[in-house]
Amino acid sequence: MNYKEDSIRKKERSSFLVLILTICFHLMFSGLIFSQTLMIRGDYTDPQIDEDRKEEIIDSITSVLNDKYVFPSKAIEMEGFIRQKLLNGDYSEIDHLSEFIQALTEDLCSICNDRHLRIIPDILIPPEMESDKTDEEIENTFLERLKYENYGFEKVERLAGNIGYLKFNSFADAVYAGPTAIAAMNFLANSDALIIDLRDNRGGNASMIRLISSYFFDESIHLNTFYYRTTDEYDESWTYDFVPGKMMSDIPIYIITSSYTFSAAEEFTYNLQNLERAVIIGDTTGGGAHPIIRHDFDNLGITAVIPHARAINPISETNWEGVGIIPDIAVNSDRALESAHIEALNKILEETENENKKFQILWILQILETNLNPISISEDEMFTYTGKYGPRIITFEDNFLYYQRQNRPKYRLIPMGNRTFMLDGHSNFRIKFEENESGIIDKLIGLYLDGHSDINYRDNEK
């Protein structure tokens, strides 16, 4: 398998450029990138523009849109809209470049609703990506950055219950990131279920989509097709027949998303959702399905990011542009990981016949449910539990109950209901209180993850 041959297709500039530009224009409209870039290029002065320059910018932008934008009819409609606004004098009070092209971008997007289309002032293009830089210089710069960021791979973990967890924040080109991705997938290979966290993933390169997806199918599967307007060609993406390491074709997969999830991260999610290979949990995604190319207007001090292709899913025969991907289970993205963990454990619980495994899964589920839905108890009730139970002591401090056994560490108790408490920071042990016939708490039962228990009576009571 040659990842490099597979990835070097239909690219007018480096794939790093596409990824960084995608991040740049989203930061621009969140109001963040201006201050960050100005710190880098403090000598920049936002140029003033007159009506002639505005018309020249519109002429240049609409020419490229008519030549390259993925939907020709929309390009014509966008041109007519902004030319009419210029004629009406709607831009007459704007006298600086950055404000003008931001207004143009918003007006263009109001017609096409395309989340990738942007016009960017050169101040927002990092100096190392300026048009006079060669592809090799750009690539080397961002290779160093990607290495520092571990090619976007932030976490690879084994969660409680043998649930794999993979968090990565960009789809870097598999030419470079392939070994890191393969190492991550092999670490996760023995999981009973897998959670893929794309909540902070803004997209990137399709070669990584293909590589990671290939671990989830026993045979070659058609993932997606792209139609390129500039070449009038269709390009199909299929999983590989072989990947290094163990396949994970028989385990449940959960993808967690946010409104920030975008572009290639959405393609990966959309592909697996339509193939019914993953359950999507979280928020509706950003809604960007069109690959982009860059067109520099050096004489105008601007760069256009033009969507020139569109995704065509082989199952839905459409894509997620402008609407995002609607999750199968809609929850706030802040709670998506816990929700996915619970879903994965419940799925395993349904399928396992191993009684010891069932006990352990139920134990973990109780912890997760308690964390998601905290239980409150009154101060009066807390005082009914305080006291000495053999070597175990329960105290009330700063509005919380604490557990300590002799001179061992002290743990805050978290109520789970039914007089049962788990220990904050100690997941393999919890305690339960029971009362005598008079309704007085008289014993403490220690409960262990391996299924055994022990009892200590309250002092002077047996």
Protein backbone atom coordinates (compact mmCIF):
# COMPACT_ATOMS: atom_id res chain seq x y z
CA MET A 1 0.00 0.00 0.00
CA ASN A 2 1.49 3.34 -1.07
CA TYR A 3 -0.08 6.18 0.90
CA LYS A 4 1.90 8.81 -0.97
CA GLU A 5 0.64 7.81 -4.40
CA ASP A 6 -2.90 7.71 -3.05
CA SER A 7 -2.80 11.17 -1.48
CA ILE A 8 -1.14 13.22 -4.22
CA ARG A 9 -4.21 13.79 -6.35
CA LYS A 10 -5.98 16.86 -7.61
CA LYS A 11 -4.11 19.29 -5.39
CA GLU A 12 -3.20 22.73 -6.72
CA ARG A 13 -1.31 23.51 -3.54
CA SER A 14 0.02 21.61 -0.58
CA SER A 15 -2.55 19.79 1.52
CA PHE A 16 -1.15 21.65 4.51
CA LEU A 17 -2.31 24.87 2.91
CA VAL A 18 -5.87 23.62 2.69
CA LEU A 19 -5.89 22.60 6.34
CA ILE A 20 -4.36 25.82 7.65
CA LEU A 21 -6.54 28.05 5.49
CA THR A 22 -9.62 26.25 6.76
CA ILE A 23 -8.54 26.98 10.32
CA CYS A 24 -7.60 30.57 9.46
CA PHE A 25 -10.89 31.70 8.04
CA HIS A 26 -12.86 30.16 10.88
CA LEU A 27 -10.69 31.94 13.39
CA MET A 28 -11.10 35.13 11.41
CA PHE A 29 -14.84 35.13 11.77
CA SER A 30 -14.66 34.21 15.43
CA GLY A 31 -12.70 37.43 15.95
CA LEU A 32 -9.59 35.65 17.17
CA ILE A 33 -7.13 35.68 14.33
CA PHE A 34 -6.82 39.42 13.82
CA SER A 35 -5.10 39.94 17.16
CA GLN A 36 -2.98 36.80 16.79
CA THR A 37 -1.75 37.72 13.32
CA LEU A 38 -1.17 41.37 14.10
CA MET A 39 1.18 40.28 16.87
CA ILE A 40 3.16 38.40 14.24
CA ARG A 41 3.03 41.19 11.66
CA GLY A 42 2.82 44.37 13.70
CA ASP A 43 3.89 46.49 10.74
CA TYR A 44 0.68 45.78 8.83
CA THR A 45 -1.69 48.67 8.12
CA ASP A 46 -5.17 47.88 6.88
CA PRO A 47 -5.25 49.74 3.54
CA GLN A 48 -7.99 52.14 2.60
CA ILE A 49 -9.89 51.43 -0.62
CA ASP A 50 -11.92 53.58 -2.97
CA GLU A 51 -14.84 52.70 -5.24
CA ASP A 52 -12.56 51.77 -8.15
CA ARG A 53 -10.66 49.30 -5.99
CA LYS A 54 -13.92 47.79 -4.71
CA GLU A 55 -15.09 47.25 -8.26
CA GLU A 56 -11.73 45.74 -9.20
CA ILE A 57 -11.96 43.30 -6.28
CA ILE A 58 -15.48 42.30 -7.25
CA ASP A 59 -14.43 41.84 -10.90
CA SER A 60 -11.53 39.61 -9.84
CA ILE A 61 -13.48 37.54 -7.30
CA THR A 62 -16.46 36.93 -9.55
CA SER A 63 -14.20 35.92 -12.44
CA VAL A 64 -12.64 33.17 -10.31
CA LEU A 65 -16.02 32.10 -8.92
CA ASN A 66 -17.46 31.78 -12.42
CA ASP A 67 -14.43 29.77 -13.49
CA LYS A 68 -14.00 27.48 -10.48
CA TYR A 69 -16.86 27.50 -7.97
CA VAL A 70 -18.42 24.06 -7.69
CA PHE A 71 -21.92 25.20 -8.71
CA PRO A 72 -21.75 27.47 -11.83
CA SER A 73 -25.33 28.69 -11.43
CA LYS A 74 -24.63 29.77 -7.86
CA ALA A 75 -21.53 31.62 -9.03
CA ILE A 76 -23.67 33.61 -11.46
CA GLU A 77 -26.22 34.32 -8.72
CA MET A 78 -23.50 35.45 -6.29
CA GLU A 79 -22.01 37.76 -8.89
CA GLY A 80 -25.36 39.39 -9.61
CA PHE A 81 -26.03 39.89 -5.90
CA ILE A 82 -22.79 41.67 -4.99
CA ARG A 83 -22.73 43.72 -8.19
CA GLN A 84 -26.22 44.97 -7.40
CA LYS A 85 -25.16 45.85 -3.86
CA LEU A 86 -22.20 47.77 -5.26
CA LEU A 87 -24.51 49.59 -7.68
CA ASN A 88 -26.92 50.40 -4.84
CA GLY A 89 -24.12 51.94 -2.80
CA ASP A 90 -24.38 49.36 -0.01
CA TYR A 91 -20.59 49.25 0.27
CA SER A 92 -20.02 53.00 -0.05
CA GLU A 93 -19.44 53.62 3.65
CA ILE A 94 -16.77 50.93 3.88
CA ASP A 95 -13.31 52.38 3.37
CA HIS A 96 -10.90 49.66 4.59
CA LEU A 97 -9.93 46.44 2.82
CA SER A 98 -10.52 43.96 5.63
CA GLU A 99 -14.00 45.28 6.35
CA PHE A 100 -14.92 45.26 2.67
CA ILE A 101 -13.87 41.70 1.98
CA GLN A 102 -15.54 40.48 5.15
CA ALA A 103 -18.76 42.08 3.93
CA LEU A 104 -18.24 40.47 0.52
CA THR A 105 -17.70 37.06 2.12
CA GLU A 106 -20.85 37.36 4.18
CA ASP A 107 -22.88 38.47 1.16
CA LEU A 108 -21.55 35.67 -1.04
CA CYS A 109 -22.25 33.08 1.64
CA SER A 110 -25.78 34.42 2.11
CA ILE A 111 -26.44 33.20 -1.46
CA CYS A 112 -24.52 29.92 -1.55
CA ASN A 113 -24.55 29.00 2.19
CA ASP A 114 -21.12 27.49 1.60
CA ARG A 115 -19.14 27.10 4.83
CA HIS A 116 -15.78 26.90 3.01
CA LEU A 117 -16.02 29.98 0.76
CA ARG A 118 -13.92 32.87 2.07
CA ILE A 119 -12.02 35.94 0.95
CA ILE A 120 -9.05 36.61 3.18
CA PRO A 121 -6.81 39.69 3.44
CA ASP A 122 -3.14 38.87 3.16
CA ILE A 123 -2.71 39.91 6.80
CA LEU A 124 -4.54 36.70 7.73
CA ILE A 125 -2.21 34.48 5.71
CA PRO A 126 0.69 33.42 7.94
CA PRO A 127 3.99 34.79 6.53
CA GLU A 128 5.31 31.29 5.86
CA MET A 129 2.33 30.67 3.54
CA GLU A 130 2.59 33.79 1.42
CA SER A 131 2.25 33.29 -2.32
CA ASP A 132 5.96 33.83 -2.99
CA LYS A 133 6.75 30.74 -0.91
CA THR A 134 7.29 27.47 -2.74
CA ASP A 135 5.22 24.38 -2.02
CA GLU A 136 8.32 22.80 -0.50
CA GLU A 137 8.88 25.74 1.87
CA ILE A 138 5.24 25.72 2.94
CA GLU A 139 5.27 21.97 3.42
CA ASN A 140 8.47 21.95 5.46
CA THR A 141 7.15 24.69 7.76
CA PHE A 142 3.92 22.88 8.49
CA LEU A 143 5.59 19.50 8.75
CA GLU A 144 7.51 20.87 11.71
CA ARG A 145 4.29 22.23 13.18
CA LEU A 146 2.45 18.97 12.64
CA LYS A 147 5.26 16.98 14.24
CA TYR A 148 5.11 19.25 17.27
CA GLU A 149 1.34 18.64 17.45
CA ASN A 150 1.84 14.87 16.96
CA TYR A 151 -0.03 15.13 13.65
CA GLY A 152 -3.18 16.06 15.52
CA PHE A 153 -3.30 12.91 17.66
CA GLU A 154 -3.93 14.16 21.19
CA LYS A 155 -5.06 11.13 23.20
CA VAL A 156 -5.11 7.36 22.81
CA GLU A 157 -6.49 5.69 25.94
CA ARG A 158 -8.15 2.61 27.34
CA LEU A 159 -11.22 3.74 29.26
CA ALA A 160 -12.87 1.72 32.03
CA GLY A 161 -14.56 -1.40 30.70
CA ASN A 162 -12.00 -1.90 27.91
CA ILE A 163 -13.39 0.93 25.80
CA GLY A 164 -10.86 2.43 23.40
CA TYR A 165 -10.68 6.21 23.15
CA LEU A 166 -9.05 8.11 20.29
CA LYS A 167 -8.98 11.91 20.19
CA PHE A 168 -7.38 13.64 17.25
CA ASN A 169 -7.83 17.21 16.11
CA SER A 170 -6.90 17.15 12.42
CA PHE A 171 -6.76 14.71 9.53
CA ALA A 172 -3.11 15.11 8.58
CA ASP A 173 -1.83 13.65 5.32
CA ALA A 174 -1.20 9.91 5.75
CA VAL A 175 2.07 10.32 3.85
CA TYR A 176 3.45 11.89 7.01
CA ALA A 177 1.00 10.98 9.77
CA GLY A 178 0.43 7.37 8.69
CA PRO A 179 2.89 5.78 11.17
CA THR A 180 1.37 7.74 14.07
CA ALA A 181 -2.16 6.75 13.03
CA ILE A 182 -1.17 3.10 12.64
CA ALA A 183 0.45 3.08 16.08
CA ALA A 184 -2.72 4.54 17.60
CA MET A 185 -4.98 2.02 15.88
CA ASN A 186 -2.82 -0.89 16.98
CA PHE A 187 -2.89 0.33 20.59
CA LEU A 188 -6.71 0.29 20.40
CA ALA A 189 -6.99 -3.03 18.57
CA ASN A 190 -8.08 -5.14 21.56
CA SER A 191 -10.85 -2.79 22.70
CA ASP A 192 -14.40 -4.08 23.07
CA ALA A 193 -15.71 -0.79 21.65
CA LEU A 194 -14.15 2.39 20.32
CA ILE A 195 -14.96 6.08 20.91
CA ILE A 196 -13.50 8.54 18.39
CA ASP A 197 -13.49 12.13 19.63
CA LEU A 198 -13.75 14.69 16.80
CA ARG A 199 -15.14 17.57 18.87
CA ASP A 200 -12.05 19.71 18.19
CA ASN A 201 -11.31 18.41 14.70
CA ARG A 202 -11.50 20.97 11.87
CA GLY A 203 -10.68 18.59 9.01
CA GLY A 204 -7.70 18.08 6.75
CA ASN A 205 -6.67 15.43 4.26
CA ALA A 206 -8.83 12.65 2.82
CA SER A 207 -5.97 10.13 2.85
CA MET A 208 -6.24 9.90 6.66
CA ILE A 209 -9.99 9.31 6.38
CA ARG A 210 -9.29 6.36 4.13
CA LEU A 211 -6.53 4.93 6.33
CA ILE A 212 -8.41 5.03 9.64
CA SER A 213 -11.70 3.87 8.10
CA SER A 214 -9.95 0.83 6.63
CA TYR A 215 -9.53 -0.64 10.13
CA PHE A 216 -13.31 -0.92 10.48
CA PHE A 217 -14.17 -3.14 7.51
CA ASP A 218 -13.15 -6.65 6.47
CA GLU A 219 -13.47 -5.83 2.78
CA SER A 220 -12.98 -2.84 0.54
CA ILE A 221 -15.86 -0.39 1.01
CA HIS A 222 -16.82 2.62 -1.08
CA LEU A 223 -16.59 5.56 1.31
CA ASN A 224 -17.21 8.66 -0.77
CA THR A 225 -16.99 10.26 -4.21
CA PHE A 226 -15.85 13.78 -5.07
CA TYR A 227 -16.85 15.64 -8.21
CA TYR A 228 -14.29 18.26 -9.30
CA ARG A 229 -15.78 21.06 -11.37
CA THR A 230 -12.41 22.37 -12.58
CA THR A 231 -11.55 19.05 -14.22
CA ASP A 232 -15.09 17.65 -14.65
CA GLU A 233 -13.94 14.40 -13.03
CA TYR A 234 -15.23 12.04 -10.35
CA ASP A 235 -12.86 10.58 -7.79
CA GLU A 236 -13.97 7.62 -5.65
CA SER A 237 -12.52 6.85 -2.24
CA TRP A 238 -12.49 3.21 -1.01
CA THR A 239 -11.04 1.58 2.08
CA TYR A 240 -7.84 -0.41 1.76
CA ASP A 241 -7.93 -4.19 1.51
CA PHE A 242 -5.07 -4.38 3.99
CA VAL A 243 -3.81 -2.25 6.88
CA PRO A 244 -0.91 -2.88 9.27
CA GLY A 245 -2.22 -4.51 12.42
CA LYS A 246 -5.49 -5.95 13.61
CA MET A 247 -8.83 -5.00 12.06
CA MET A 248 -11.62 -3.70 14.31
CA SER A 249 -14.47 -4.70 12.04
CA ASP A 250 -16.53 -6.41 14.75
CA ILE A 251 -16.62 -3.83 17.56
CA PRO A 252 -19.10 -0.97 18.09
CA ILE A 253 -17.83 2.49 17.12
CA TYR A 254 -19.01 5.80 18.54
CA ILE A 255 -18.04 9.18 17.10
CA ILE A 256 -18.52 12.24 19.29
CA THR A 257 -19.00 15.61 17.63
CA SER A 258 -19.54 19.31 18.28
CA SER A 259 -20.57 22.30 16.21
CA TYR A 260 -16.82 22.85 15.72
CA THR A 261 -16.39 19.50 13.94
CA PHE A 262 -15.83 20.40 10.28
CA SER A 263 -14.83 19.41 6.75
CA ALA A 264 -12.82 16.15 6.58
CA ALA A 265 -13.88 15.33 10.14
CA GLU A 266 -17.44 15.56 8.89
CA GLU A 267 -16.74 13.38 5.88
CA PHE A 268 -15.31 10.67 8.13
CA THR A 269 -18.37 10.92 10.38
CA TYR A 270 -20.87 11.06 7.52
CA ASN A 271 -19.28 8.07 5.77
CA LEU A 272 -19.48 5.83 8.83
CA GLN A 273 -22.95 7.04 9.75
CA ASN A 274 -24.34 6.20 6.31
CA LEU A 275 -22.58 2.84 6.31
CA GLU A 276 -24.22 2.20 9.71
CA ARG A 277 -20.78 1.49 11.07
CA ALA A 278 -20.79 4.14 13.83
CA VAL A 279 -23.21 5.81 16.20
CA ILE A 280 -22.83 9.60 16.24
CA ILE A 281 -23.20 11.32 19.62
CA GLY A 282 -22.99 15.04 20.39
CA ASP A 283 -23.93 18.24 18.59
CA THR A 284 -24.75 18.84 14.92
CA THR A 285 -21.51 19.50 13.04
CA GLY A 286 -20.39 22.63 11.18
CA GLY A 287 -21.60 21.76 7.68
CA GLY A 288 -18.64 22.03 5.27
CA ALA A 289 -18.51 19.44 2.49
CA HIS A 290 -16.68 21.19 -0.36
CA PRO A 291 -12.92 20.80 -0.97
CA ILE A 292 -11.17 24.10 -1.59
CA ILE A 293 -8.44 25.66 -3.68
CA ARG A 294 -6.59 28.92 -3.11
CA HIS A 295 -6.38 31.81 -5.55
CA ASP A 296 -4.02 34.67 -4.74
CA PHE A 297 -4.61 38.23 -5.95
CA ASP A 298 -1.23 39.71 -5.13
CA ASN A 299 -2.03 43.09 -6.67
CA LEU A 300 -5.14 43.40 -4.47
CA GLY A 301 -3.70 42.09 -1.22
CA ILE A 302 -6.29 39.31 -0.90
CA THR A 303 -6.66 35.57 -1.27
CA ALA A 304 -9.82 33.71 -2.25
CA VAL A 305 -10.62 30.29 -0.83
CA ILE A 306 -12.85 28.71 -3.46
CA PRO A 307 -14.81 25.45 -3.05
CA HIS A 308 -14.24 23.69 -6.35
CA ALA A 309 -15.58 20.20 -5.65
CA ARG A 310 -18.42 18.49 -3.82
CA ALA A 311 -18.83 15.25 -1.93
CA ILE A 312 -21.33 12.66 -3.16
CA ASN A 313 -22.00 9.92 -0.66
CA PRO A 314 -22.67 6.60 -2.44
CA ILE A 315 -25.58 5.82 -0.11
CA SER A 316 -27.31 9.16 0.44
CA GLU A 317 -26.20 10.51 -2.97
CA THR A 318 -25.73 13.90 -1.32
CA ASN A 319 -23.62 15.43 1.47
CA TRP A 320 -23.74 17.54 4.63
CA GLU A 321 -22.96 20.97 3.16
CA GLY A 322 -24.73 23.79 4.97
CA VAL A 323 -26.70 21.52 7.28
CA GLY A 324 -24.05 19.56 9.15
CA ILE A 325 -24.36 16.00 10.37
CA ILE A 326 -27.24 15.36 12.71
CA PRO A 327 -26.12 13.01 15.51
CA ASP A 328 -27.92 9.75 16.20
CA ILE A 329 -27.93 10.72 19.88
CA ALA A 330 -28.10 14.47 20.42
CA VAL A 331 -26.40 15.63 23.62
CA ASN A 332 -24.40 18.69 24.57
CA SER A 333 -20.86 18.16 23.32
CA ASP A 334 -19.54 18.73 26.86
CA ARG A 335 -21.32 15.53 27.92
CA ALA A 336 -20.75 13.56 24.73
CA LEU A 337 -17.79 11.49 25.96
CA GLU A 338 -19.58 10.28 29.08
CA SER A 339 -22.71 9.56 27.04
CA ALA A 340 -20.73 7.59 24.46
CA HIS A 341 -18.96 5.65 27.22
CA ILE A 342 -22.34 4.69 28.70
CA GLU A 343 -23.73 3.70 25.29
CA ALA A 344 -20.68 1.53 24.59
CA LEU A 345 -20.85 -0.24 27.95
CA ASN A 346 -24.58 -0.89 27.61
CA LYS A 347 -23.98 -2.38 24.16
CA ILE A 348 -21.32 -4.73 25.55
CA LEU A 349 -23.56 -5.58 28.50
CA GLU A 350 -26.30 -6.69 26.11
CA GLU A 351 -23.98 -9.01 24.23
CA THR A 352 -21.78 -10.58 26.92
CA GLU A 353 -22.61 -13.80 28.77
CA ASN A 354 -19.68 -13.53 31.15
CA GLU A 355 -21.14 -12.85 34.61
CA ASN A 356 -17.94 -11.35 36.01
CA LYS A 357 -17.73 -8.99 33.03
CA LYS A 358 -21.37 -8.01 33.53
CA PHE A 359 -20.70 -7.18 37.18
CA GLN A 360 -17.73 -4.99 36.29
CA ILE A 361 -19.61 -3.19 33.50
CA LEU A 362 -22.53 -2.46 35.82
CA TRP A 363 -20.08 -1.15 38.40
CA ILE A 364 -18.58 1.27 35.85
CA LEU A 365 -22.00 2.30 34.56
CA GLN A 366 -23.07 3.26 38.06
CA ILE A 367 -20.03 5.54 38.35
CA LEU A 368 -20.68 7.19 34.99
CA GLU A 369 -24.38 7.67 35.70
CA THR A 370 -23.56 9.24 39.07
CA ASN A 371 -21.09 11.64 37.46
CA LEU A 372 -23.63 12.64 34.81
CA ASN A 373 -26.50 12.95 37.27
CA PRO A 374 -25.12 13.93 40.70
CA ILE A 375 -27.16 13.09 43.79
CA SER A 376 -27.52 15.53 46.66
CA ILE A 377 -28.16 14.59 50.29
CA SER A 378 -28.93 16.86 53.20
CA GLU A 379 -26.48 17.83 55.91
CA ASP A 380 -28.71 16.13 58.46
CA GLU A 381 -28.49 12.85 56.59
CA MET A 382 -24.71 13.18 56.31
CA PHE A 383 -24.40 13.39 60.09
CA THR A 384 -26.24 10.06 60.46
CA TYR A 385 -23.26 8.35 58.79
CA THR A 386 -20.41 9.94 60.72
CA GLY A 387 -18.54 7.85 63.25
CA LYS A 388 -16.00 5.08 63.67
CA TYR A 389 -16.62 1.67 62.11
CA GLY A 390 -13.73 -0.48 63.28
CA PRO A 391 -10.66 0.74 61.38
CA ARG A 392 -12.85 2.95 59.15
CA ILE A 393 -13.78 6.52 60.03
CA ILE A 394 -16.46 8.71 58.43
CA THR A 395 -16.17 12.46 59.07
CA PHE A 396 -18.07 15.58 58.01
CA GLU A 397 -15.81 18.38 56.80
CA ASP A 398 -16.56 21.48 54.69
CA ASN A 399 -20.04 20.23 53.80
CA PHE A 400 -18.79 16.86 52.57
CA LEU A 401 -18.47 13.36 53.99
CA TYR A 402 -14.99 11.83 54.05
CA TYR A 403 -13.81 8.24 54.38
CA GLN A 404 -10.49 7.14 55.85
CA ARG A 405 -9.15 3.77 56.89
CA GLN A 406 -6.59 4.09 59.69
CA ASN A 407 -3.63 6.13 58.40
CA ARG A 408 -4.39 5.62 54.73
CA PRO A 409 -5.40 8.50 52.39
CA LYS A 410 -8.67 10.31 53.03
CA TYR A 411 -11.30 10.31 50.28
CA ARG A 412 -14.35 12.50 49.74
CA LEU A 413 -17.53 10.44 49.49
CA ILE A 414 -19.86 10.92 46.52
CA PRO A 415 -23.46 9.77 47.04
CA MET A 416 -24.83 7.19 44.59
CA GLY A 417 -28.23 6.65 46.19
CA ASN A 418 -29.53 3.85 48.42
CA ARG A 419 -27.00 4.81 51.17
CA THR A 420 -24.14 3.89 48.82
CA PHE A 421 -21.13 6.12 48.22
CA MET A 422 -18.19 6.00 45.85
CA LEU A 423 -14.78 7.42 46.73
CA ASP A 424 -13.53 10.38 44.76
CA GLY A 425 -10.28 9.17 43.20
CA HIS A 426 -10.71 5.47 44.04
CA SER A 427 -12.93 3.70 41.49
CA ASN A 428 -12.43 0.10 42.59
CA PHE A 429 -14.01 0.45 46.02
CA ARG A 430 -17.20 1.95 47.46
CA ILE A 431 -19.12 1.75 50.73
CA LYS A 432 -22.70 1.17 51.75
CA PHE A 433 -24.37 1.91 55.08
CA GLU A 434 -27.12 -0.21 56.64
CA GLU A 435 -29.39 0.47 59.61
CA ASN A 436 -30.59 -1.74 62.41
CA GLU A 437 -34.18 -2.53 63.41
CA SER A 438 -34.36 0.79 65.26
CA GLY A 439 -33.55 2.71 62.11
CA ILE A 440 -30.06 3.70 63.27
CA ILE A 441 -27.04 3.31 60.94
CA ASP A 442 -25.02 0.55 62.57
CA LYS A 443 -22.71 -0.92 59.95
CA LEU A 444 -20.54 -0.05 56.98
CA ILE A 445 -20.13 -2.53 54.14
CA GLY A 446 -17.05 -2.30 51.91
CA LEU A 447 -17.83 -3.21 48.28
CA TYR A 448 -15.07 -4.21 45.88
CA LEU A 449 -14.82 -4.35 42.08
CA ASP A 450 -13.92 -8.04 42.18
CA GLY A 451 -17.30 -8.78 43.78
CA HIS A 452 -16.36 -9.46 47.40
CA SER A 453 -17.40 -7.36 50.39
CA ASP A 454 -16.59 -6.92 54.09
CA ILE A 455 -18.45 -5.45 57.07
CA ASN A 456 -17.47 -3.21 59.96
CA TYR A 457 -19.92 -2.34 62.75
CA ARG A 458 -20.21 1.06 64.26
CA ASP A 459 -18.32 1.33 67.56
CA ASN A 460 -20.22 -0.17 70.53
CA GLU A 461 -22.75 -1.78 68.23
CA LYS A 462 -22.56 -5.41 67.09
